[in-house]
């Protein structure tokens, strides 16, 4: 079974080819994305809890059971990440549900940025600036 590929920053590595979204298209995709991301965050939390239990449990039958549960949760996480990939957005952080939608503005690629709990996409950032470089989408309006 293939497991999710995690990037150095802790996010899940994204496939190479990505769809480009308008702000309207990205916001329209949010109801589906929100449901998937909620499941990703929950499953990621379960994986973390199981991993901590495995590390604190002496080797034995109980540990084998926990490892089996973890393998199942990791497969579920992988499947959820595949769903997000099919939508065309990029999962940046499994623990908080951070998503980027590739977009174009003034001839350059940017990310429309959304985090679980936000009602709509209110922020964007340059490709290499990340979450800390978020700016309001209102500045994108010409």
C-alpha atoms as a PDB file:
ATOM      1  CA  UNK A   1       0.000   0.000   0.000  1.00  0.00           C
ATOM      2  CA  UNK A   2       1.282   3.424  -0.918  1.00  0.00           C
ATOM      3  CA  UNK A   3       1.520   5.943   1.896  1.00  0.00           C
ATOM      4  CA  UNK A   4       1.168   9.725   1.597  1.00  0.00           C
ATOM      5  CA  UNK A   5       4.331  11.564   0.690  1.00  0.00           C
ATOM      6  CA  UNK A   6       5.072  14.257   3.236  1.00  0.00           C
ATOM      7  CA  UNK A   7       7.139  17.300   2.370  1.00  0.00           C
ATOM      8  CA  UNK A   8       9.872  18.676   4.613  1.00  0.00           C
ATOM      9  CA  UNK A   9       7.426  21.270   5.961  1.00  0.00           C
ATOM     10  CA  UNK A  10       5.043  18.542   7.138  1.00  0.00           C
ATOM     11  CA  UNK A  11       2.506  19.014   4.345  1.00  0.00           C
ATOM     12  CA  UNK A  12       1.634  16.374   1.820  1.00  0.00           C
ATOM     13  CA  UNK A  13       3.599  16.589  -1.418  1.00  0.00           C
ATOM     14  CA  UNK A  14       1.449  17.652  -4.352  1.00  0.00           C
ATOM     15  CA  UNK A  15       1.395  16.204  -7.839  1.00  0.00           C
ATOM     16  CA  UNK A  16       3.256  18.151 -10.535  1.00  0.00           C
ATOM     17  CA  UNK A  17       0.404  19.353 -12.775  1.00  0.00           C
ATOM     18  CA  UNK A  18      -2.148  21.643 -11.163  1.00  0.00           C
ATOM     19  CA  UNK A  19      -5.345  23.282 -12.273  1.00  0.00           C
ATOM     20  CA  UNK A  20      -5.464  27.078 -12.078  1.00  0.00           C
ATOM     21  CA  UNK A  21      -8.485  28.513 -10.275  1.00  0.00           C
ATOM     22  CA  UNK A  22     -10.166  31.881 -10.406  1.00  0.00           C
ATOM     23  CA  UNK A  23     -11.211  33.238  -7.006  1.00  0.00           C
ATOM     24  CA  UNK A  24     -14.834  32.447  -7.907  1.00  0.00           C
ATOM     25  CA  UNK A  25     -13.985  28.850  -8.902  1.00  0.00           C
ATOM     26  CA  UNK A  26     -11.970  28.270  -5.739  1.00  0.00           C
ATOM     27  CA  UNK A  27     -14.764  29.575  -3.505  1.00  0.00           C
ATOM     28  CA  UNK A  28     -17.266  27.440  -5.412  1.00  0.00           C
ATOM     29  CA  UNK A  29     -15.134  24.343  -4.682  1.00  0.00           C
ATOM     30  CA  UNK A  30     -14.959  25.096  -0.936  1.00  0.00           C
ATOM     31  CA  UNK A  31     -17.980  23.057   0.241  1.00  0.00           C
ATOM     32  CA  UNK A  32     -16.407  19.872  -1.142  1.00  0.00           C
ATOM     33  CA  UNK A  33     -12.887  20.868  -0.097  1.00  0.00           C
ATOM     34  CA  UNK A  34     -14.085  21.689   3.415  1.00  0.00           C
ATOM     35  CA  UNK A  35     -15.646  18.243   3.878  1.00  0.00           C
ATOM     36  CA  UNK A  36     -12.504  16.467   2.661  1.00  0.00           C
ATOM     37  CA  UNK A  37     -10.146  18.680   4.671  1.00  0.00           C
ATOM     38  CA  UNK A  38     -12.179  18.188   7.848  1.00  0.00           C
ATOM     39  CA  UNK A  39     -11.708  14.428   7.379  1.00  0.00           C
ATOM     40  CA  UNK A  40      -7.985  14.894   6.643  1.00  0.00           C
ATOM     41  CA  UNK A  41      -7.421  16.893   9.845  1.00  0.00           C
ATOM     42  CA  UNK A  42      -9.350  14.337  11.901  1.00  0.00           C
ATOM     43  CA  UNK A  43      -7.569  11.357  10.359  1.00  0.00           C
ATOM     44  CA  UNK A  44      -4.183  13.047  10.736  1.00  0.00           C
ATOM     45  CA  UNK A  45      -4.936  13.596  14.426  1.00  0.00           C
ATOM     46  CA  UNK A  46      -5.859   9.928  14.817  1.00  0.00           C
ATOM     47  CA  UNK A  47      -2.589   8.918  13.104  1.00  0.00           C
ATOM     48  CA  UNK A  48      -0.595  11.147  15.441  1.00  0.00           C
ATOM     49  CA  UNK A  49      -2.363   9.711  18.483  1.00  0.00           C
ATOM     50  CA  UNK A  50      -1.782   6.120  17.314  1.00  0.00           C
ATOM     51  CA  UNK A  51       1.889   6.836  16.572  1.00  0.00           C
ATOM     52  CA  UNK A  52       2.363   8.263  20.080  1.00  0.00           C
ATOM     53  CA  UNK A  53       0.656   5.180  21.561  1.00  0.00           C
ATOM     54  CA  UNK A  54       2.905   2.867  19.551  1.00  0.00           C
ATOM     55  CA  UNK A  55       6.008   4.718  20.720  1.00  0.00           C
ATOM     56  CA  UNK A  56       4.955   4.483  24.382  1.00  0.00           C
ATOM     57  CA  UNK A  57       3.801   0.849  24.285  1.00  0.00           C
ATOM     58  CA  UNK A  58       6.275  -2.009  24.804  1.00  0.00           C
ATOM     59  CA  UNK A  59       6.637  -4.370  21.840  1.00  0.00           C
ATOM     60  CA  UNK A  60       3.996  -7.075  21.829  1.00  0.00           C
ATOM     61  CA  UNK A  61       0.503  -7.996  20.685  1.00  0.00           C
ATOM     62  CA  UNK A  62      -1.003  -4.641  21.751  1.00  0.00           C
ATOM     63  CA  UNK A  63       1.676  -2.805  19.775  1.00  0.00           C
ATOM     64  CA  UNK A  64       0.972  -4.942  16.695  1.00  0.00           C
ATOM     65  CA  UNK A  65      -2.721  -4.072  16.953  1.00  0.00           C
ATOM     66  CA  UNK A  66      -1.914  -0.354  17.166  1.00  0.00           C
ATOM     67  CA  UNK A  67       0.391  -0.610  14.150  1.00  0.00           C
ATOM     68  CA  UNK A  68      -2.405  -2.297  12.190  1.00  0.00           C
ATOM     69  CA  UNK A  69      -4.788   0.496  13.141  1.00  0.00           C
ATOM     70  CA  UNK A  70      -2.196   3.089  12.149  1.00  0.00           C
ATOM     71  CA  UNK A  71      -1.688   1.441   8.765  1.00  0.00           C
ATOM     72  CA  UNK A  72      -5.441   1.617   8.129  1.00  0.00           C
ATOM     73  CA  UNK A  73      -5.603   5.289   9.139  1.00  0.00           C
ATOM     74  CA  UNK A  74      -2.590   6.119   6.944  1.00  0.00           C
ATOM     75  CA  UNK A  75      -4.339   4.484   4.003  1.00  0.00           C
ATOM     76  CA  UNK A  76      -7.446   6.554   4.754  1.00  0.00           C
ATOM     77  CA  UNK A  77      -5.296   9.699   4.904  1.00  0.00           C
ATOM     78  CA  UNK A  78      -3.723   8.778   1.565  1.00  0.00           C
ATOM     79  CA  UNK A  79      -7.168   8.296   0.011  1.00  0.00           C
ATOM     80  CA  UNK A  80      -8.351  11.679   1.313  1.00  0.00           C
ATOM     81  CA  UNK A  81      -5.252  13.401  -0.047  1.00  0.00           C
ATOM     82  CA  UNK A  82      -5.959  11.799  -3.416  1.00  0.00           C
ATOM     83  CA  UNK A  83      -9.478  13.292  -3.280  1.00  0.00           C
ATOM     84  CA  UNK A  84      -8.017  16.761  -2.663  1.00  0.00           C
ATOM     85  CA  UNK A  85      -5.589  16.223  -5.537  1.00  0.00           C
ATOM     86  CA  UNK A  86      -8.486  15.355  -7.831  1.00  0.00           C
ATOM     87  CA  UNK A  87     -10.177  18.651  -6.955  1.00  0.00           C
ATOM     88  CA  UNK A  88      -6.960  20.347  -8.066  1.00  0.00           C
ATOM     89  CA  UNK A  89      -5.888  22.179  -4.930  1.00  0.00           C
ATOM     90  CA  UNK A  90      -2.818  21.589  -2.774  1.00  0.00           C
ATOM     91  CA  UNK A  91      -2.821  20.395   0.813  1.00  0.00           C
ATOM     92  CA  UNK A  92      -0.128  22.325   2.678  1.00  0.00           C
ATOM     93  CA  UNK A  93      -0.721  21.245   6.291  1.00  0.00           C
ATOM     94  CA  UNK A  94      -2.587  18.130   7.444  1.00  0.00           C
ATOM     95  CA  UNK A  95      -2.826  19.181  11.068  1.00  0.00           C
ATOM     96  CA  UNK A  96      -4.686  22.485  10.552  1.00  0.00           C
ATOM     97  CA  UNK A  97      -6.230  21.960   7.119  1.00  0.00           C
ATOM     98  CA  UNK A  98      -4.285  24.521   5.100  1.00  0.00           C
ATOM     99  CA  UNK A  99      -5.063  24.514   1.369  1.00  0.00           C
ATOM    100  CA  UNK A 100      -3.683  26.479  -1.577  1.00  0.00           C
ATOM    101  CA  UNK A 101      -5.408  26.939  -4.922  1.00  0.00           C
ATOM    102  CA  UNK A 102      -3.069  27.795  -7.786  1.00  0.00           C
ATOM    103  CA  UNK A 103      -4.241  30.942  -9.605  1.00  0.00           C
ATOM    104  CA  UNK A 104      -2.962  33.661 -11.979  1.00  0.00           C
ATOM    105  CA  UNK A 105      -2.733  37.364 -11.286  1.00  0.00           C
ATOM    106  CA  UNK A 106      -1.148  39.931 -13.566  1.00  0.00           C
ATOM    107  CA  UNK A 107       0.584  37.228 -15.590  1.00  0.00           C
ATOM    108  CA  UNK A 108       2.145  35.343 -12.685  1.00  0.00           C
ATOM    109  CA  UNK A 109       1.175  32.310 -10.643  1.00  0.00           C
ATOM    110  CA  UNK A 110      -0.011  32.876  -7.072  1.00  0.00           C
ATOM    111  CA  UNK A 111      -1.813  30.844  -4.442  1.00  0.00           C
ATOM    112  CA  UNK A 112      -5.296  31.556  -3.148  1.00  0.00           C
ATOM    113  CA  UNK A 113      -5.012  30.456   0.469  1.00  0.00           C
ATOM    114  CA  UNK A 114      -7.698  28.884   2.669  1.00  0.00           C
ATOM    115  CA  UNK A 115      -7.619  27.275   6.097  1.00  0.00           C
ATOM    116  CA  UNK A 116     -10.225  25.029   7.692  1.00  0.00           C
ATOM    117  CA  UNK A 117     -12.623  27.205   9.671  1.00  0.00           C
ATOM    118  CA  UNK A 118     -12.571  30.129   7.253  1.00  0.00           C
ATOM    119  CA  UNK A 119     -15.893  30.710   5.471  1.00  0.00           C
ATOM    120  CA  UNK A 120     -14.376  31.670   2.128  1.00  0.00           C
ATOM    121  CA  UNK A 121     -11.073  32.435   0.504  1.00  0.00           C
ATOM    122  CA  UNK A 122      -9.985  35.776   1.898  1.00  0.00           C
ATOM    123  CA  UNK A 123      -6.226  35.574   1.339  1.00  0.00           C
ATOM    124  CA  UNK A 124      -3.568  34.944  -1.274  1.00  0.00           C
ATOM    125  CA  UNK A 125       0.231  34.738  -1.275  1.00  0.00           C
ATOM    126  CA  UNK A 126       3.150  34.428  -3.643  1.00  0.00           C
ATOM    127  CA  UNK A 127       4.224  30.877  -4.497  1.00  0.00           C
ATOM    128  CA  UNK A 128       7.252  30.953  -2.208  1.00  0.00           C
ATOM    129  CA  UNK A 129       6.065  33.198   0.626  1.00  0.00           C
ATOM    130  CA  UNK A 130       3.739  30.706   2.310  1.00  0.00           C
ATOM    131  CA  UNK A 131       1.099  31.219   4.972  1.00  0.00           C
ATOM    132  CA  UNK A 132       3.007  34.030   6.708  1.00  0.00           C
ATOM    133  CA  UNK A 133       2.928  36.048   3.479  1.00  0.00           C
ATOM    134  CA  UNK A 134      -0.865  36.010   3.198  1.00  0.00           C
ATOM    135  CA  UNK A 135      -2.498  39.187   1.926  1.00  0.00           C
ATOM    136  CA  UNK A 136      -6.194  40.045   1.525  1.00  0.00           C
ATOM    137  CA  UNK A 137      -7.724  39.017  -1.814  1.00  0.00           C
ATOM    138  CA  UNK A 138      -9.148  42.519  -2.079  1.00  0.00           C
ATOM    139  CA  UNK A 139      -5.735  43.684  -3.365  1.00  0.00           C
ATOM    140  CA  UNK A 140      -6.124  41.291  -6.325  1.00  0.00           C
ATOM    141  CA  UNK A 141      -9.150  43.195  -7.585  1.00  0.00           C
ATOM    142  CA  UNK A 142      -7.953  45.621 -10.265  1.00  0.00           C
END
